[in-house]
mmCIF file of all heavy atoms, coordinates in Angstrom:
data_MODEL
# 
_entry.id   MODEL 
# 
loop_
_atom_site.group_PDB 
_atom_site.id 
_atom_site.type_symbol 
_atom_site.label_atom_id 
_atom_site.label_alt_id 
_atom_site.label_comp_id 
_atom_site.label_asym_id 
_atom_site.label_entity_id 
_atom_site.label_seq_id 
_atom_site.pdbx_PDB_ins_code 
_atom_site.Cartn_x 
_atom_site.Cartn_y 
_atom_site.Cartn_z 
_atom_site.occupancy 
_atom_site.B_iso_or_equiv 
_atom_site.pdbx_formal_charge 
_atom_site.auth_seq_id 
_atom_site.auth_comp_id 
_atom_site.auth_asym_id 
_atom_site.auth_atom_id 
_atom_site.pdbx_PDB_model_num 
ATOM 1   N N   . PRO A 1 1  ? 39.959 6.917  25.211 1.00 0.00 ? 1  PRO A N   1 
ATOM 2   C CA  . PRO A 1 1  ? 40.611 7.058  23.885 1.00 0.00 ? 1  PRO A CA  1 
ATOM 3   C C   . PRO A 1 1  ? 39.687 7.031  22.727 1.00 0.00 ? 1  PRO A C   1 
ATOM 4   O O   . PRO A 1 1  ? 38.587 6.496  22.781 1.00 0.00 ? 1  PRO A O   1 
ATOM 5   C CB  . PRO A 1 1  ? 41.611 5.933  23.916 1.00 0.00 ? 1  PRO A CB  1 
ATOM 6   C CG  . PRO A 1 1  ? 41.097 4.938  24.860 1.00 0.00 ? 1  PRO A CG  1 
ATOM 7   C CD  . PRO A 1 1  ? 40.263 5.731  25.786 1.00 0.00 ? 1  PRO A CD  1 
ATOM 8   N N   . GLU A 1 2  ? 40.058 7.666  21.622 1.00 0.00 ? 2  GLU A N   1 
ATOM 9   C CA  . GLU A 1 2  ? 39.331 7.628  20.399 1.00 0.00 ? 2  GLU A CA  1 
ATOM 10  C C   . GLU A 1 2  ? 39.824 6.386  19.589 1.00 0.00 ? 2  GLU A C   1 
ATOM 11  O O   . GLU A 1 2  ? 41.102 6.362  19.301 1.00 0.00 ? 2  GLU A O   1 
ATOM 12  C CB  . GLU A 1 2  ? 39.552 8.889  19.625 1.00 0.00 ? 2  GLU A CB  1 
ATOM 13  C CG  . GLU A 1 2  ? 38.726 8.885  18.276 1.00 0.00 ? 2  GLU A CG  1 
ATOM 14  C CD  . GLU A 1 2  ? 38.992 10.080 17.366 1.00 0.00 ? 2  GLU A CD  1 
ATOM 15  O OE1 . GLU A 1 2  ? 39.530 11.068 17.988 1.00 0.00 ? 2  GLU A OE1 1 
ATOM 16  O OE2 . GLU A 1 2  ? 38.625 10.016 16.216 1.00 0.00 ? 2  GLU A OE2 1 
ATOM 17  N N   . ILE A 1 3  ? 38.982 5.433  19.292 1.00 0.00 ? 3  ILE A N   1 
ATOM 18  C CA  . ILE A 1 3  ? 39.369 4.237  18.567 1.00 0.00 ? 3  ILE A CA  1 
ATOM 19  C C   . ILE A 1 3  ? 38.457 4.090  17.388 1.00 0.00 ? 3  ILE A C   1 
ATOM 20  O O   . ILE A 1 3  ? 37.235 4.061  17.498 1.00 0.00 ? 3  ILE A O   1 
ATOM 21  C CB  . ILE A 1 3  ? 39.197 2.974  19.467 1.00 0.00 ? 3  ILE A CB  1 
ATOM 22  C CG1 . ILE A 1 3  ? 40.030 3.166  20.821 1.00 0.00 ? 3  ILE A CG1 1 
ATOM 23  C CG2 . ILE A 1 3  ? 39.583 1.645  18.701 1.00 0.00 ? 3  ILE A CG2 1 
ATOM 24  C CD1 . ILE A 1 3  ? 39.772 2.128  21.796 1.00 0.00 ? 3  ILE A CD1 1 
ATOM 25  N N   . VAL A 1 4  ? 39.085 4.180  16.217 1.00 0.00 ? 4  VAL A N   1 
ATOM 26  C CA  . VAL A 1 4  ? 38.282 4.124  14.968 1.00 0.00 ? 4  VAL A CA  1 
ATOM 27  C C   . VAL A 1 4  ? 38.832 2.903  14.175 1.00 0.00 ? 4  VAL A C   1 
ATOM 28  O O   . VAL A 1 4  ? 39.993 2.737  13.885 1.00 0.00 ? 4  VAL A O   1 
ATOM 29  C CB  . VAL A 1 4  ? 38.545 5.447  14.141 1.00 0.00 ? 4  VAL A CB  1 
ATOM 30  C CG1 . VAL A 1 4  ? 37.753 5.289  12.810 1.00 0.00 ? 4  VAL A CG1 1 
ATOM 31  C CG2 . VAL A 1 4  ? 38.063 6.562  14.912 1.00 0.00 ? 4  VAL A CG2 1 
ATOM 32  N N   . MET A 1 5  ? 37.982 2.035  13.795 1.00 0.00 ? 5  MET A N   1 
ATOM 33  C CA  . MET A 1 5  ? 38.236 0.806  12.978 1.00 0.00 ? 5  MET A CA  1 
ATOM 34  C C   . MET A 1 5  ? 37.710 0.908  11.592 1.00 0.00 ? 5  MET A C   1 
ATOM 35  O O   . MET A 1 5  ? 36.611 1.391  11.437 1.00 0.00 ? 5  MET A O   1 
ATOM 36  C CB  . MET A 1 5  ? 37.724 -0.456 13.650 1.00 0.00 ? 5  MET A CB  1 
ATOM 37  C CG  . MET A 1 5  ? 38.054 -1.711 12.823 1.00 0.00 ? 5  MET A CG  1 
ATOM 38  S SD  . MET A 1 5  ? 37.226 -3.156 13.295 1.00 0.00 ? 5  MET A SD  1 
ATOM 39  C CE  . MET A 1 5  ? 35.529 -2.921 12.692 1.00 0.00 ? 5  MET A CE  1 
ATOM 40  N N   . GLU A 1 6  ? 38.545 0.549  10.542 1.00 0.00 ? 6  GLU A N   1 
ATOM 41  C CA  . GLU A 1 6  ? 38.058 0.372  9.220  1.00 0.00 ? 6  GLU A CA  1 
ATOM 42  C C   . GLU A 1 6  ? 38.342 -1.050 8.919  1.00 0.00 ? 6  GLU A C   1 
ATOM 43  O O   . GLU A 1 6  ? 39.430 -1.597 9.197  1.00 0.00 ? 6  GLU A O   1 
ATOM 44  C CB  . GLU A 1 6  ? 38.943 1.249  8.305  1.00 0.00 ? 6  GLU A CB  1 
ATOM 45  C CG  . GLU A 1 6  ? 38.741 2.763  8.403  1.00 0.00 ? 6  GLU A CG  1 
ATOM 46  C CD  . GLU A 1 6  ? 39.627 3.483  7.476  1.00 0.00 ? 6  GLU A CD  1 
ATOM 47  O OE1 . GLU A 1 6  ? 39.794 3.107  6.279  1.00 0.00 ? 6  GLU A OE1 1 
ATOM 48  O OE2 . GLU A 1 6  ? 40.252 4.483  7.901  1.00 0.00 ? 6  GLU A OE2 1 
ATOM 49  N N   . ARG A 1 7  ? 37.409 -1.681 8.213  1.00 0.00 ? 7  ARG A N   1 
ATOM 50  C CA  . ARG A 1 7  ? 37.542 -2.995 7.694  1.00 0.00 ? 7  ARG A CA  1 
ATOM 51  C C   . ARG A 1 7  ? 37.108 -3.128 6.350  1.00 0.00 ? 7  ARG A C   1 
ATOM 52  O O   . ARG A 1 7  ? 36.085 -2.638 5.962  1.00 0.00 ? 7  ARG A O   1 
ATOM 53  C CB  . ARG A 1 7  ? 36.728 -4.055 8.695  1.00 0.00 ? 7  ARG A CB  1 
ATOM 54  C CG  . ARG A 1 7  ? 36.894 -5.432 8.325  1.00 0.00 ? 7  ARG A CG  1 
ATOM 55  C CD  . ARG A 1 7  ? 36.207 -6.354 9.333  1.00 0.00 ? 7  ARG A CD  1 
ATOM 56  N NE  . ARG A 1 7  ? 36.589 -7.716 9.204  1.00 0.00 ? 7  ARG A NE  1 
ATOM 57  C CZ  . ARG A 1 7  ? 36.474 -8.628 10.076 1.00 0.00 ? 7  ARG A CZ  1 
ATOM 58  N NH1 . ARG A 1 7  ? 36.038 -8.366 11.273 1.00 0.00 ? 7  ARG A NH1 1 
ATOM 59  N NH2 . ARG A 1 7  ? 36.872 -9.854 9.931  1.00 0.00 ? 7  ARG A NH2 1 
ATOM 60  N N   . ASP A 1 8  ? 37.948 -3.687 5.519  1.00 0.00 ? 8  ASP A N   1 
ATOM 61  C CA  . ASP A 1 8  ? 37.729 -3.905 4.053  1.00 0.00 ? 8  ASP A CA  1 
ATOM 62  C C   . ASP A 1 8  ? 38.231 -5.204 3.633  1.00 0.00 ? 8  ASP A C   1 
ATOM 63  O O   . ASP A 1 8  ? 38.901 -5.925 4.509  1.00 0.00 ? 8  ASP A O   1 
ATOM 64  C CB  . ASP A 1 8  ? 38.410 -2.724 3.272  1.00 0.00 ? 8  ASP A CB  1 
ATOM 65  C CG  . ASP A 1 8  ? 37.720 -2.410 1.976  1.00 0.00 ? 8  ASP A CG  1 
ATOM 66  O OD1 . ASP A 1 8  ? 37.017 -3.278 1.523  1.00 0.00 ? 8  ASP A OD1 1 
ATOM 67  O OD2 . ASP A 1 8  ? 37.902 -1.389 1.425  1.00 0.00 ? 8  ASP A OD2 1 
ATOM 68  N N   . ILE A 1 9  ? 38.156 -5.482 2.474  1.00 0.00 ? 9  ILE A N   1 
ATOM 69  C CA  . ILE A 1 9  ? 38.686 -6.816 1.871  1.00 0.00 ? 9  ILE A CA  1 
ATOM 70  C C   . ILE A 1 9  ? 40.195 -6.898 2.198  1.00 0.00 ? 9  ILE A C   1 
ATOM 71  O O   . ILE A 1 9  ? 40.992 -6.011 1.720  1.00 0.00 ? 9  ILE A O   1 
ATOM 72  C CB  . ILE A 1 9  ? 38.377 -7.026 0.387  1.00 0.00 ? 9  ILE A CB  1 
ATOM 73  C CG1 . ILE A 1 9  ? 36.825 -7.040 0.202  1.00 0.00 ? 9  ILE A CG1 1 
ATOM 74  C CG2 . ILE A 1 9  ? 39.082 -8.284 -0.106 1.00 0.00 ? 9  ILE A CG2 1 
ATOM 75  C CD1 . ILE A 1 9  ? 36.410 -7.058 -1.106 1.00 0.00 ? 9  ILE A CD1 1 
ATOM 76  N N   . GLY A 1 10 ? 40.590 -7.861 2.992  1.00 0.00 ? 10 GLY A N   1 
ATOM 77  C CA  . GLY A 1 10 ? 42.042 -8.119 3.219  1.00 0.00 ? 10 GLY A CA  1 
ATOM 78  C C   . GLY A 1 10 ? 42.735 -7.129 4.202  1.00 0.00 ? 10 GLY A C   1 
ATOM 79  O O   . GLY A 1 10 ? 43.914 -7.170 4.320  1.00 0.00 ? 10 GLY A O   1 
ATOM 80  N N   . MET A 1 11 ? 41.931 -6.290 4.939  1.00 0.00 ? 11 MET A N   1 
ATOM 81  C CA  . MET A 1 11 ? 42.629 -5.475 5.818  1.00 0.00 ? 11 MET A CA  1 
ATOM 82  C C   . MET A 1 11 ? 41.636 -4.886 6.978  1.00 0.00 ? 11 MET A C   1 
ATOM 83  O O   . MET A 1 11 ? 40.451 -4.826 6.809  1.00 0.00 ? 11 MET A O   1 
ATOM 84  C CB  . MET A 1 11 ? 43.229 -4.199 5.115  1.00 0.00 ? 11 MET A CB  1 
ATOM 85  C CG  . MET A 1 11 ? 42.257 -3.083 4.818  1.00 0.00 ? 11 MET A CG  1 
ATOM 86  S SD  . MET A 1 11 ? 41.902 -2.018 6.172  1.00 0.00 ? 11 MET A SD  1 
ATOM 87  C CE  . MET A 1 11 ? 41.479 -0.528 5.264  1.00 0.00 ? 11 MET A CE  1 
ATOM 88  N N   . ILE A 1 12 ? 42.271 -4.750 8.128  1.00 0.00 ? 12 ILE A N   1 
ATOM 89  C CA  . ILE A 1 12 ? 41.688 -4.091 9.239  1.00 0.00 ? 12 ILE A CA  1 
ATOM 90  C C   . ILE A 1 12 ? 42.664 -3.051 9.701  1.00 0.00 ? 12 ILE A C   1 
ATOM 91  O O   . ILE A 1 12 ? 43.798 -3.316 9.944  1.00 0.00 ? 12 ILE A O   1 
ATOM 92  C CB  . ILE A 1 12 ? 41.450 -5.120 10.466 1.00 0.00 ? 12 ILE A CB  1 
ATOM 93  C CG1 . ILE A 1 12 ? 40.475 -6.233 10.010 1.00 0.00 ? 12 ILE A CG1 1 
ATOM 94  C CG2 . ILE A 1 12 ? 40.831 -4.409 11.723 1.00 0.00 ? 12 ILE A CG2 1 
ATOM 95  C CD1 . ILE A 1 12 ? 40.355 -7.424 11.045 1.00 0.00 ? 12 ILE A CD1 1 
ATOM 96  N N   . LYS A 1 13 ? 42.133 -1.846 9.878  1.00 0.00 ? 13 LYS A N   1 
ATOM 97  C CA  . LYS A 1 13 ? 42.929 -0.775 10.398 1.00 0.00 ? 13 LYS A CA  1 
ATOM 98  C C   . LYS A 1 13 ? 42.311 -0.173 11.604 1.00 0.00 ? 13 LYS A C   1 
ATOM 99  O O   . LYS A 1 13 ? 41.071 0.091  11.583 1.00 0.00 ? 13 LYS A O   1 
ATOM 100 C CB  . LYS A 1 13 ? 43.009 0.330  9.312  1.00 0.00 ? 13 LYS A CB  1 
ATOM 101 C CG  . LYS A 1 13 ? 43.862 1.579  9.742  1.00 0.00 ? 13 LYS A CG  1 
ATOM 102 C CD  . LYS A 1 13 ? 43.811 2.613  8.589  1.00 0.00 ? 13 LYS A CD  1 
ATOM 103 C CE  . LYS A 1 13 ? 44.516 3.870  8.967  1.00 0.00 ? 13 LYS A CE  1 
ATOM 104 N NZ  . LYS A 1 13 ? 44.457 4.909  7.959  1.00 0.00 ? 13 LYS A NZ  1 
ATOM 105 N N   . VAL A 1 14 ? 43.033 -0.134 12.794 1.00 0.00 ? 14 VAL A N   1 
ATOM 106 C CA  . VAL A 1 14 ? 42.543 0.512  13.977 1.00 0.00 ? 14 VAL A CA  1 
ATOM 107 C C   . VAL A 1 14 ? 43.483 1.683  14.339 1.00 0.00 ? 14 VAL A C   1 
ATOM 108 O O   . VAL A 1 14 ? 44.627 1.576  14.547 1.00 0.00 ? 14 VAL A O   1 
ATOM 109 C CB  . VAL A 1 14 ? 42.549 -0.540 15.099 1.00 0.00 ? 14 VAL A CB  1 
ATOM 110 C CG1 . VAL A 1 14 ? 42.173 0.060  16.416 1.00 0.00 ? 14 VAL A CG1 1 
ATOM 111 C CG2 . VAL A 1 14 ? 41.670 -1.746 14.741 1.00 0.00 ? 14 VAL A CG2 1 
ATOM 112 N N   . ASP A 1 15 ? 42.787 2.850  14.337 1.00 0.00 ? 15 ASP A N   1 
ATOM 113 C CA  . ASP A 1 15 ? 43.516 4.052  14.720 1.00 0.00 ? 15 ASP A CA  1 
ATOM 114 C C   . ASP A 1 15 ? 43.141 4.451  16.168 1.00 0.00 ? 15 ASP A C   1 
ATOM 115 O O   . ASP A 1 15 ? 41.929 4.546  16.451 1.00 0.00 ? 15 ASP A O   1 
ATOM 116 C CB  . ASP A 1 15 ? 43.097 5.281  13.837 1.00 0.00 ? 15 ASP A CB  1 
ATOM 117 C CG  . ASP A 1 15 ? 43.791 5.182  12.412 1.00 0.00 ? 15 ASP A CG  1 
ATOM 118 O OD1 . ASP A 1 15 ? 45.036 4.988  12.443 1.00 0.00 ? 15 ASP A OD1 1 
ATOM 119 O OD2 . ASP A 1 15 ? 43.105 5.278  11.438 1.00 0.00 ? 15 ASP A OD2 1 
ATOM 120 N N   . VAL A 1 16 ? 44.179 4.727  16.905 1.00 0.00 ? 16 VAL A N   1 
ATOM 121 C CA  . VAL A 1 16 ? 43.895 5.150  18.265 1.00 0.00 ? 16 VAL A CA  1 
ATOM 122 C C   . VAL A 1 16 ? 44.483 6.418  18.684 1.00 0.00 ? 16 VAL A C   1 
ATOM 123 O O   . VAL A 1 16 ? 45.638 6.750  18.280 1.00 0.00 ? 16 VAL A O   1 
ATOM 124 C CB  . VAL A 1 16 ? 44.496 4.014  19.300 1.00 0.00 ? 16 VAL A CB  1 
ATOM 125 C CG1 . VAL A 1 16 ? 44.349 4.472  20.764 1.00 0.00 ? 16 VAL A CG1 1 
ATOM 126 C CG2 . VAL A 1 16 ? 44.018 2.609  18.996 1.00 0.00 ? 16 VAL A CG2 1 
ATOM 127 N N   . THR A 1 17 ? 43.733 7.314  19.300 1.00 0.00 ? 17 THR A N   1 
ATOM 128 C CA  . THR A 1 17 ? 44.361 8.593  19.743 1.00 0.00 ? 17 THR A CA  1 
ATOM 129 C C   . THR A 1 17 ? 44.063 8.535  21.323 1.00 0.00 ? 17 THR A C   1 
ATOM 130 O O   . THR A 1 17 ? 42.907 8.461  21.717 1.00 0.00 ? 17 THR A O   1 
ATOM 131 C CB  . THR A 1 17 ? 43.624 9.805  19.130 1.00 0.00 ? 17 THR A CB  1 
ATOM 132 O OG1 . THR A 1 17 ? 43.679 9.706  17.687 1.00 0.00 ? 17 THR A OG1 1 
ATOM 133 C CG2 . THR A 1 17 ? 44.169 11.063 19.549 1.00 0.00 ? 17 THR A CG2 1 
ATOM 134 N N   . LEU A 1 18 ? 45.189 8.705  21.965 1.00 0.00 ? 18 LEU A N   1 
ATOM 135 C CA  . LEU A 1 18 ? 45.144 8.596  23.504 1.00 0.00 ? 18 LEU A CA  1 
ATOM 136 C C   . LEU A 1 18 ? 45.687 9.938  24.037 1.00 0.00 ? 18 LEU A C   1 
ATOM 137 O O   . LEU A 1 18 ? 46.858 10.350 23.629 1.00 0.00 ? 18 LEU A O   1 
ATOM 138 C CB  . LEU A 1 18 ? 46.031 7.359  23.868 1.00 0.00 ? 18 LEU A CB  1 
ATOM 139 C CG  . LEU A 1 18 ? 46.180 7.162  25.320 1.00 0.00 ? 18 LEU A CG  1 
ATOM 140 C CD1 . LEU A 1 18 ? 44.943 6.707  25.993 1.00 0.00 ? 18 LEU A CD1 1 
ATOM 141 C CD2 . LEU A 1 18 ? 47.314 6.153  25.574 1.00 0.00 ? 18 LEU A CD2 1 
ATOM 142 N N   . ASP A 1 19 ? 44.961 10.500 25.007 1.00 0.00 ? 19 ASP A N   1 
ATOM 143 C CA  . ASP A 1 19 ? 45.468 11.715 25.657 1.00 0.00 ? 19 ASP A CA  1 
ATOM 144 C C   . ASP A 1 19 ? 46.528 11.208 26.755 1.00 0.00 ? 19 ASP A C   1 
ATOM 145 O O   . ASP A 1 19 ? 46.317 10.328 27.555 1.00 0.00 ? 19 ASP A O   1 
ATOM 146 C CB  . ASP A 1 19 ? 44.299 12.422 26.473 1.00 0.00 ? 19 ASP A CB  1 
ATOM 147 C CG  . ASP A 1 19 ? 44.735 13.657 27.071 1.00 0.00 ? 19 ASP A CG  1 
ATOM 148 O OD1 . ASP A 1 19 ? 45.479 13.564 28.021 1.00 0.00 ? 19 ASP A OD1 1 
ATOM 149 O OD2 . ASP A 1 19 ? 44.173 14.727 26.706 1.00 0.00 ? 19 ASP A OD2 1 
ATOM 150 N N   . ILE A 1 20 ? 47.664 11.812 26.686 1.00 0.00 ? 20 ILE A N   1 
ATOM 151 C CA  . ILE A 1 20 ? 48.699 11.353 27.691 1.00 0.00 ? 20 ILE A CA  1 
ATOM 152 C C   . ILE A 1 20 ? 49.230 12.516 28.550 1.00 0.00 ? 20 ILE A C   1 
ATOM 153 O O   . ILE A 1 20 ? 50.209 12.580 29.170 1.00 0.00 ? 20 ILE A O   1 
ATOM 154 C CB  . ILE A 1 20 ? 49.893 10.768 26.964 1.00 0.00 ? 20 ILE A CB  1 
ATOM 155 C CG1 . ILE A 1 20 ? 50.629 11.734 25.992 1.00 0.00 ? 20 ILE A CG1 1 
ATOM 156 C CG2 . ILE A 1 20 ? 49.566 9.468  26.291 1.00 0.00 ? 20 ILE A CG2 1 
ATOM 157 C CD1 . ILE A 1 20 ? 51.876 11.327 25.292 1.00 0.00 ? 20 ILE A CD1 1 
ATOM 158 N N   . THR A 1 21 ? 48.344 13.528 28.758 1.00 0.00 ? 21 THR A N   1 
ATOM 159 C CA  . THR A 1 21 ? 48.695 14.684 29.578 1.00 0.00 ? 21 THR A CA  1 
ATOM 160 C C   . THR A 1 21 ? 48.937 14.357 30.990 1.00 0.00 ? 21 THR A C   1 
ATOM 161 O O   . THR A 1 21 ? 49.744 14.988 31.707 1.00 0.00 ? 21 THR A O   1 
ATOM 162 C CB  . THR A 1 21 ? 47.571 15.816 29.479 1.00 0.00 ? 21 THR A CB  1 
ATOM 163 O OG1 . THR A 1 21 ? 46.387 15.271 29.935 1.00 0.00 ? 21 THR A OG1 1 
ATOM 164 C CG2 . THR A 1 21 ? 47.546 16.469 28.116 1.00 0.00 ? 21 THR A CG2 1 
ATOM 165 N N   . ASP A 1 22 ? 48.317 13.315 31.449 1.00 0.00 ? 22 ASP A N   1 
ATOM 166 C CA  . ASP A 1 22 ? 48.453 12.906 32.895 1.00 0.00 ? 22 ASP A CA  1 
ATOM 167 C C   . ASP A 1 22 ? 49.749 12.065 33.159 1.00 0.00 ? 22 ASP A C   1 
ATOM 168 O O   . ASP A 1 22 ? 50.084 11.711 34.320 1.00 0.00 ? 22 ASP A O   1 
ATOM 169 C CB  . ASP A 1 22 ? 47.318 12.125 33.435 1.00 0.00 ? 22 ASP A CB  1 
ATOM 170 C CG  . ASP A 1 22 ? 46.056 13.031 33.538 1.00 0.00 ? 22 ASP A CG  1 
ATOM 171 O OD1 . ASP A 1 22 ? 46.161 14.269 33.578 1.00 0.00 ? 22 ASP A OD1 1 
ATOM 172 O OD2 . ASP A 1 22 ? 44.940 12.443 33.444 1.00 0.00 ? 22 ASP A OD2 1 
ATOM 173 N N   . LEU A 1 23 ? 50.462 11.650 32.135 1.00 0.00 ? 23 LEU A N   1 
ATOM 174 C CA  . LEU A 1 23 ? 51.641 10.852 32.252 1.00 0.00 ? 23 LEU A CA  1 
ATOM 175 C C   . LEU A 1 23 ? 52.915 11.729 32.406 1.00 0.00 ? 23 LEU A C   1 
ATOM 176 O O   . LEU A 1 23 ? 52.926 12.762 31.885 1.00 0.00 ? 23 LEU A O   1 
ATOM 177 C CB  . LEU A 1 23 ? 51.826 9.950  31.192 1.00 0.00 ? 23 LEU A CB  1 
ATOM 178 C CG  . LEU A 1 23 ? 50.601 8.949  30.951 1.00 0.00 ? 23 LEU A CG  1 
ATOM 179 C CD1 . LEU A 1 23 ? 50.839 8.073  29.738 1.00 0.00 ? 23 LEU A CD1 1 
ATOM 180 C CD2 . LEU A 1 23 ? 50.441 8.101  32.188 1.00 0.00 ? 23 LEU A CD2 1 
ATOM 181 N N   . PRO A 1 24 ? 53.874 11.221 33.250 1.00 0.00 ? 24 PRO A N   1 
ATOM 182 C CA  . PRO A 1 24 ? 55.052 12.056 33.517 1.00 0.00 ? 24 PRO A CA  1 
ATOM 183 C C   . PRO A 1 24 ? 55.909 12.199 32.197 1.00 0.00 ? 24 PRO A C   1 
ATOM 184 O O   . PRO A 1 24 ? 55.847 11.400 31.300 1.00 0.00 ? 24 PRO A O   1 
ATOM 185 C CB  . PRO A 1 24 ? 55.827 11.225 34.473 1.00 0.00 ? 24 PRO A CB  1 
ATOM 186 C CG  . PRO A 1 24 ? 55.321 9.862  34.451 1.00 0.00 ? 24 PRO A CG  1 
ATOM 187 C CD  . PRO A 1 24 ? 53.931 9.956  33.923 1.00 0.00 ? 24 PRO A CD  1 
ATOM 188 N N   . GLU A 1 25 ? 56.506 13.328 32.144 1.00 0.00 ? 25 GLU A N   1 
ATOM 189 C CA  . GLU A 1 25 ? 57.517 13.584 30.998 1.00 0.00 ? 25 GLU A CA  1 
ATOM 190 C C   . GLU A 1 25 ? 58.776 12.818 31.215 1.00 0.00 ? 25 GLU A C   1 
ATOM 191 O O   . GLU A 1 25 ? 59.175 12.426 32.316 1.00 0.00 ? 25 GLU A O   1 
ATOM 192 C CB  . GLU A 1 25 ? 57.814 15.071 30.931 1.00 0.00 ? 25 GLU A CB  1 
ATOM 193 C CG  . GLU A 1 25 ? 56.679 15.871 30.587 1.00 0.00 ? 25 GLU A CG  1 
ATOM 194 C CD  . GLU A 1 25 ? 57.018 17.389 30.498 1.00 0.00 ? 25 GLU A CD  1 
ATOM 195 O OE1 . GLU A 1 25 ? 58.208 17.778 30.830 1.00 0.00 ? 25 GLU A OE1 1 
ATOM 196 O OE2 . GLU A 1 25 ? 56.198 18.199 30.030 1.00 0.00 ? 25 GLU A OE2 1 
ATOM 197 N N   . GLY A 1 26 ? 59.467 12.554 30.073 1.00 0.00 ? 26 GLY A N   1 
ATOM 198 C CA  . GLY A 1 26 ? 60.821 11.942 30.160 1.00 0.00 ? 26 GLY A CA  1 
ATOM 199 C C   . GLY A 1 26 ? 60.911 10.773 29.096 1.00 0.00 ? 26 GLY A C   1 
ATOM 200 O O   . GLY A 1 26 ? 60.031 10.640 28.177 1.00 0.00 ? 26 GLY A O   1 
ATOM 201 N N   . PRO A 1 27 ? 61.976 9.997  29.215 1.00 0.00 ? 27 PRO A N   1 
ATOM 202 C CA  . PRO A 1 27 ? 62.253 8.927  28.207 1.00 0.00 ? 27 PRO A CA  1 
ATOM 203 C C   . PRO A 1 27 ? 61.224 7.793  28.380 1.00 0.00 ? 27 PRO A C   1 
ATOM 204 O O   . PRO A 1 27 ? 60.881 7.467  29.544 1.00 0.00 ? 27 PRO A O   1 
ATOM 205 C CB  . PRO A 1 27 ? 63.598 8.456  28.532 1.00 0.00 ? 27 PRO A CB  1 
ATOM 206 C CG  . PRO A 1 27 ? 64.016 8.979  29.867 1.00 0.00 ? 27 PRO A CG  1 
ATOM 207 C CD  . PRO A 1 27 ? 62.993 10.148 30.187 1.00 0.00 ? 27 PRO A CD  1 
ATOM 208 N N   . LEU A 1 28 ? 60.786 7.199  27.335 1.00 0.00 ? 28 LEU A N   1 
ATOM 209 C CA  . LEU A 1 28 ? 59.806 6.161  27.270 1.00 0.00 ? 28 LEU A CA  1 
ATOM 210 C C   . LEU A 1 28 ? 60.306 4.930  26.600 1.00 0.00 ? 28 LEU A C   1 
ATOM 211 O O   . LEU A 1 28 ? 61.041 5.023  25.580 1.00 0.00 ? 28 LEU A O   1 
ATOM 212 C CB  . LEU A 1 28 ? 58.488 6.588  26.581 1.00 0.00 ? 28 LEU A CB  1 
ATOM 213 C CG  . LEU A 1 28 ? 57.751 7.824  26.939 1.00 0.00 ? 28 LEU A CG  1 
ATOM 214 C CD1 . LEU A 1 28 ? 56.598 8.043  26.023 1.00 0.00 ? 28 LEU A CD1 1 
ATOM 215 C CD2 . LEU A 1 28 ? 57.312 7.685  28.368 1.00 0.00 ? 28 LEU A CD2 1 
# 
């Protein structure tokens, strides 16, 4: 997965992009 962190005064942001092509379709 692509994981990008930003850290600044008073905040941490973590953005994740995950490929889910191998997972079955349907309700989650």
